[in-house]
């Protein structure tokens, strides 16, 4: 078992894609994930599904153009801050997510 992280800052790392299961093992501890300023264009299906305690997620300033918001974020019951801003992200609206 790897280290248990509370905050994970991966901003401006030039990341172009995420492997499915990239955050496996962090489901009970990860509260903050900052992936802003990378080169992500899409997210693997279910990439955040086990991060039930995640409170802050920043995907700002990527190039995300294909994102199923319901699928990507519905299992995140503790989310307080979600940042999809930036001129290159083409996510234009966020539907109401299930409570």
N, C-alpha and C. Protein backbone atom coordinates (compact mmCIF):
# COMPACT_ATOMS: atom_id res chain seq x y z
N UNK A 1 0.85 -1.18 0.00
CA UNK A 1 0.00 0.00 0.00
C UNK A 1 0.89 1.24 0.00
N UNK A 2 0.59 2.19 -0.86
CA UNK A 2 1.38 3.41 -0.97
C UNK A 2 1.03 4.42 0.10
N UNK A 3 1.63 5.58 0.03
CA UNK A 3 1.37 6.63 1.03
C UNK A 3 -0.06 7.13 0.93
N UNK A 4 -0.61 7.53 2.06
CA UNK A 4 -1.95 8.11 2.11
C UNK A 4 -1.80 9.62 2.09
N UNK A 5 -2.37 10.26 1.08
CA UNK A 5 -2.23 11.70 0.89
C UNK A 5 -3.49 12.43 1.29
N UNK A 6 -3.33 13.61 1.83
CA UNK A 6 -4.46 14.48 2.16
C UNK A 6 -4.64 15.51 1.06
N UNK A 7 -3.55 16.15 0.65
CA UNK A 7 -3.55 17.16 -0.41
C UNK A 7 -2.59 16.71 -1.49
N UNK A 8 -3.02 16.80 -2.75
CA UNK A 8 -2.17 16.41 -3.86
C UNK A 8 -2.18 17.53 -4.90
N UNK A 9 -1.02 18.18 -5.06
CA UNK A 9 -0.87 19.28 -6.00
C UNK A 9 -0.09 18.79 -7.21
N UNK A 10 -0.77 18.73 -8.35
CA UNK A 10 -0.15 18.31 -9.60
C UNK A 10 -0.32 19.40 -10.65
N UNK A 11 -0.29 20.64 -10.23
CA UNK A 11 -0.52 21.75 -11.16
C UNK A 11 0.73 22.03 -11.98
N UNK A 12 0.49 22.42 -13.24
CA UNK A 12 1.56 22.81 -14.16
C UNK A 12 2.63 21.73 -14.32
N UNK A 13 2.19 20.48 -14.45
CA UNK A 13 3.12 19.37 -14.61
C UNK A 13 3.16 18.84 -16.04
N UNK A 14 2.39 19.44 -16.94
CA UNK A 14 2.37 18.98 -18.32
C UNK A 14 1.65 17.66 -18.51
N UNK A 15 0.79 17.29 -17.57
CA UNK A 15 0.07 16.02 -17.66
C UNK A 15 -0.93 16.08 -18.82
N UNK A 16 -0.87 15.08 -19.69
CA UNK A 16 -1.74 15.05 -20.86
C UNK A 16 -2.89 14.05 -20.70
N UNK A 17 -2.70 13.04 -19.88
CA UNK A 17 -3.77 12.07 -19.65
C UNK A 17 -3.58 11.41 -18.30
N UNK A 18 -4.68 10.88 -17.79
CA UNK A 18 -4.67 10.16 -16.52
C UNK A 18 -5.01 8.70 -16.78
N UNK A 19 -4.30 7.82 -16.14
CA UNK A 19 -4.60 6.40 -16.25
C UNK A 19 -5.83 6.08 -15.40
N UNK A 20 -6.70 5.21 -15.89
CA UNK A 20 -7.81 4.78 -15.03
C UNK A 20 -7.24 4.22 -13.73
N UNK A 21 -7.84 4.58 -12.63
CA UNK A 21 -7.36 4.10 -11.33
C UNK A 21 -6.18 4.88 -10.80
N UNK A 22 -5.88 6.03 -11.38
CA UNK A 22 -4.71 6.82 -10.97
C UNK A 22 -4.75 7.19 -9.49
N UNK A 23 -5.94 7.32 -8.92
CA UNK A 23 -6.06 7.75 -7.53
C UNK A 23 -6.52 6.62 -6.61
N UNK A 24 -6.43 5.39 -7.09
CA UNK A 24 -6.79 4.25 -6.24
C UNK A 24 -5.92 4.24 -4.98
N UNK A 25 -6.54 3.92 -3.88
CA UNK A 25 -5.82 3.88 -2.62
C UNK A 25 -5.86 5.19 -1.85
N UNK A 26 -6.42 6.23 -2.46
CA UNK A 26 -6.51 7.53 -1.79
C UNK A 26 -7.96 7.86 -1.41
N UNK A 27 -8.84 6.89 -1.53
CA UNK A 27 -10.27 7.12 -1.35
C UNK A 27 -10.66 7.57 0.06
N UNK A 28 -9.93 7.21 1.06
CA UNK A 28 -10.29 7.56 2.43
C UNK A 28 -9.59 8.80 2.96
N UNK A 29 -8.59 9.30 2.23
CA UNK A 29 -7.78 10.38 2.79
C UNK A 29 -7.70 11.64 1.95
N UNK A 30 -7.82 11.53 0.64
CA UNK A 30 -7.60 12.69 -0.24
C UNK A 30 -8.73 13.70 -0.11
N UNK A 31 -8.37 14.92 0.30
CA UNK A 31 -9.34 16.00 0.47
C UNK A 31 -9.20 17.06 -0.62
N UNK A 32 -7.99 17.25 -1.14
CA UNK A 32 -7.74 18.29 -2.13
C UNK A 32 -6.92 17.71 -3.28
N UNK A 33 -7.40 17.97 -4.51
CA UNK A 33 -6.68 17.55 -5.70
C UNK A 33 -6.62 18.74 -6.66
N UNK A 34 -5.42 19.22 -6.92
CA UNK A 34 -5.22 20.36 -7.83
C UNK A 34 -4.47 19.88 -9.05
N UNK A 35 -5.17 19.82 -10.17
CA UNK A 35 -4.57 19.41 -11.44
C UNK A 35 -4.66 20.55 -12.45
N UNK A 36 -4.65 21.76 -11.96
CA UNK A 36 -4.78 22.92 -12.84
C UNK A 36 -3.52 23.15 -13.66
N UNK A 37 -3.69 23.78 -14.82
CA UNK A 37 -2.56 24.16 -15.65
C UNK A 37 -1.87 23.02 -16.35
N UNK A 38 -2.57 21.93 -16.60
CA UNK A 38 -1.99 20.80 -17.33
C UNK A 38 -2.54 20.78 -18.75
N UNK A 39 -2.40 19.68 -19.43
CA UNK A 39 -2.86 19.56 -20.82
C UNK A 39 -3.90 18.46 -20.97
N UNK A 40 -4.73 18.30 -19.95
CA UNK A 40 -5.77 17.28 -20.00
C UNK A 40 -6.86 17.69 -20.99
N UNK A 41 -7.28 16.76 -21.84
CA UNK A 41 -8.37 17.03 -22.77
C UNK A 41 -9.62 16.25 -22.40
N UNK A 42 -9.45 15.17 -21.65
CA UNK A 42 -10.58 14.38 -21.18
C UNK A 42 -10.18 13.64 -19.91
N UNK A 43 -11.16 13.08 -19.26
CA UNK A 43 -10.93 12.34 -18.03
C UNK A 43 -11.43 10.91 -18.21
N UNK A 44 -10.67 9.92 -17.74
CA UNK A 44 -11.13 8.53 -17.86
C UNK A 44 -12.45 8.33 -17.11
N UNK A 45 -13.27 7.46 -17.62
CA UNK A 45 -14.53 7.14 -16.98
C UNK A 45 -14.28 6.68 -15.54
N UNK A 46 -14.99 7.27 -14.60
CA UNK A 46 -14.91 6.86 -13.20
C UNK A 46 -13.64 7.26 -12.47
N UNK A 47 -12.87 8.19 -13.01
CA UNK A 47 -11.58 8.56 -12.41
C UNK A 47 -11.72 9.05 -10.96
N UNK A 48 -12.85 9.70 -10.63
CA UNK A 48 -13.03 10.24 -9.28
C UNK A 48 -14.05 9.44 -8.46
N UNK A 49 -14.53 8.32 -8.97
CA UNK A 49 -15.66 7.64 -8.35
C UNK A 49 -15.41 7.15 -6.93
N UNK A 50 -14.18 6.87 -6.56
CA UNK A 50 -13.92 6.39 -5.20
C UNK A 50 -13.38 7.46 -4.27
N UNK A 51 -13.29 8.68 -4.74
CA UNK A 51 -12.78 9.77 -3.90
C UNK A 51 -13.94 10.41 -3.14
N UNK A 52 -14.56 9.65 -2.26
CA UNK A 52 -15.77 10.08 -1.58
C UNK A 52 -15.56 11.25 -0.63
N UNK A 53 -14.35 11.47 -0.16
CA UNK A 53 -14.10 12.53 0.81
C UNK A 53 -13.46 13.77 0.19
N UNK A 54 -13.25 13.75 -1.11
CA UNK A 54 -12.64 14.89 -1.80
C UNK A 54 -13.51 16.12 -1.63
N UNK A 55 -12.90 17.21 -1.16
CA UNK A 55 -13.62 18.46 -0.93
C UNK A 55 -13.29 19.53 -1.97
N UNK A 56 -12.06 19.51 -2.49
CA UNK A 56 -11.62 20.52 -3.43
C UNK A 56 -10.99 19.84 -4.65
N UNK A 57 -11.50 20.21 -5.83
CA UNK A 57 -10.96 19.69 -7.08
C UNK A 57 -10.80 20.85 -8.05
N UNK A 58 -9.57 21.06 -8.51
CA UNK A 58 -9.31 22.09 -9.51
C UNK A 58 -8.78 21.45 -10.78
N UNK A 59 -9.53 21.68 -11.86
CA UNK A 59 -9.12 21.26 -13.20
C UNK A 59 -8.97 22.49 -14.09
N UNK A 60 -8.80 23.64 -13.48
CA UNK A 60 -8.69 24.92 -14.18
C UNK A 60 -7.52 24.91 -15.16
N UNK A 61 -7.71 25.63 -16.26
CA UNK A 61 -6.64 25.84 -17.25
C UNK A 61 -6.09 24.55 -17.84
N UNK A 62 -6.97 23.62 -18.14
CA UNK A 62 -6.63 22.46 -18.94
C UNK A 62 -7.28 22.68 -20.31
N UNK A 63 -7.45 21.65 -21.07
CA UNK A 63 -8.10 21.75 -22.38
C UNK A 63 -9.22 20.73 -22.49
N UNK A 64 -9.98 20.61 -21.40
CA UNK A 64 -11.03 19.59 -21.32
C UNK A 64 -12.18 19.99 -22.24
N UNK A 65 -12.51 19.09 -23.16
CA UNK A 65 -13.60 19.38 -24.09
C UNK A 65 -14.70 18.32 -24.05
N UNK A 66 -14.41 17.18 -23.49
CA UNK A 66 -15.38 16.10 -23.47
C UNK A 66 -15.52 15.61 -22.04
N UNK A 67 -16.60 16.00 -21.38
CA UNK A 67 -16.75 15.68 -19.97
C UNK A 67 -18.21 15.41 -19.64
N UNK A 68 -18.50 14.22 -19.19
CA UNK A 68 -19.82 13.87 -18.71
C UNK A 68 -19.84 14.23 -17.22
N UNK A 69 -20.40 15.37 -16.89
CA UNK A 69 -20.37 15.88 -15.52
C UNK A 69 -21.08 14.96 -14.54
N UNK A 70 -22.23 14.43 -14.92
CA UNK A 70 -22.96 13.51 -14.04
C UNK A 70 -22.08 12.34 -13.67
N UNK A 71 -21.46 11.73 -14.66
CA UNK A 71 -20.63 10.56 -14.44
C UNK A 71 -19.35 10.89 -13.68
N UNK A 72 -18.75 12.02 -14.01
CA UNK A 72 -17.46 12.37 -13.42
C UNK A 72 -17.56 12.76 -11.94
N UNK A 73 -18.63 13.44 -11.57
CA UNK A 73 -18.66 14.05 -10.24
C UNK A 73 -19.77 13.57 -9.31
N UNK A 74 -20.68 12.73 -9.76
CA UNK A 74 -21.84 12.36 -8.94
C UNK A 74 -21.49 11.61 -7.66
N UNK A 75 -20.42 10.86 -7.64
CA UNK A 75 -20.08 10.10 -6.44
C UNK A 75 -19.32 10.94 -5.40
N UNK A 76 -19.02 12.17 -5.74
CA UNK A 76 -18.25 13.05 -4.84
C UNK A 76 -19.23 13.76 -3.90
N UNK A 77 -19.52 13.13 -2.78
CA UNK A 77 -20.55 13.62 -1.85
C UNK A 77 -20.07 14.77 -0.97
N UNK A 78 -18.77 14.94 -0.81
CA UNK A 78 -18.23 15.95 0.09
C UNK A 78 -17.68 17.18 -0.64
N UNK A 79 -17.80 17.22 -1.96
CA UNK A 79 -17.16 18.30 -2.73
C UNK A 79 -17.71 19.67 -2.32
N UNK A 80 -16.81 20.59 -2.04
CA UNK A 80 -17.17 21.95 -1.67
C UNK A 80 -16.74 22.95 -2.73
N UNK A 81 -15.65 22.64 -3.44
CA UNK A 81 -15.10 23.56 -4.44
C UNK A 81 -14.70 22.78 -5.68
N UNK A 82 -15.29 23.13 -6.81
CA UNK A 82 -14.99 22.50 -8.09
C UNK A 82 -14.67 23.60 -9.09
N UNK A 83 -13.45 23.62 -9.61
CA UNK A 83 -13.00 24.67 -10.53
C UNK A 83 -12.71 24.06 -11.90
N UNK A 84 -13.54 24.42 -12.87
CA UNK A 84 -13.36 23.99 -14.25
C UNK A 84 -13.10 25.19 -15.15
N UNK A 85 -12.70 26.31 -14.56
CA UNK A 85 -12.52 27.55 -15.31
C UNK A 85 -11.28 27.56 -16.18
N UNK A 86 -11.14 28.64 -16.90
CA UNK A 86 -10.00 28.82 -17.78
C UNK A 86 -10.45 28.92 -19.22
N UNK A 87 -9.69 29.62 -20.03
CA UNK A 87 -10.10 29.88 -21.41
C UNK A 87 -10.10 28.65 -22.32
N UNK A 88 -9.36 27.60 -21.99
CA UNK A 88 -9.28 26.44 -22.88
C UNK A 88 -10.20 25.30 -22.51
N UNK A 89 -10.74 25.30 -21.29
CA UNK A 89 -11.74 24.30 -20.93
C UNK A 89 -13.04 24.70 -21.61
N UNK A 90 -13.67 23.79 -22.31
CA UNK A 90 -14.91 24.14 -23.02
C UNK A 90 -16.15 23.62 -22.30
N UNK A 91 -16.03 23.39 -20.99
CA UNK A 91 -17.19 23.01 -20.20
C UNK A 91 -17.97 24.29 -19.95
N UNK A 92 -19.19 24.38 -20.48
CA UNK A 92 -19.92 25.64 -20.42
C UNK A 92 -21.01 25.69 -19.39
N UNK A 93 -21.50 24.55 -18.93
CA UNK A 93 -22.53 24.56 -17.89
C UNK A 93 -22.42 23.30 -17.05
N UNK A 94 -22.92 23.40 -15.86
CA UNK A 94 -22.89 22.27 -14.95
C UNK A 94 -24.33 21.99 -14.52
N UNK A 95 -24.87 20.82 -14.87
CA UNK A 95 -26.22 20.49 -14.41
C UNK A 95 -26.20 20.23 -12.91
N UNK A 96 -27.36 20.26 -12.32
CA UNK A 96 -27.47 19.94 -10.91
C UNK A 96 -27.04 18.49 -10.69
N UNK A 97 -26.17 18.30 -9.76
CA UNK A 97 -25.71 16.96 -9.44
C UNK A 97 -26.59 16.38 -8.35
N UNK A 98 -26.74 15.07 -8.32
CA UNK A 98 -27.56 14.42 -7.30
C UNK A 98 -27.02 14.72 -5.92
N UNK A 99 -27.92 14.88 -4.98
CA UNK A 99 -27.53 15.14 -3.60
C UNK A 99 -27.26 13.85 -2.89
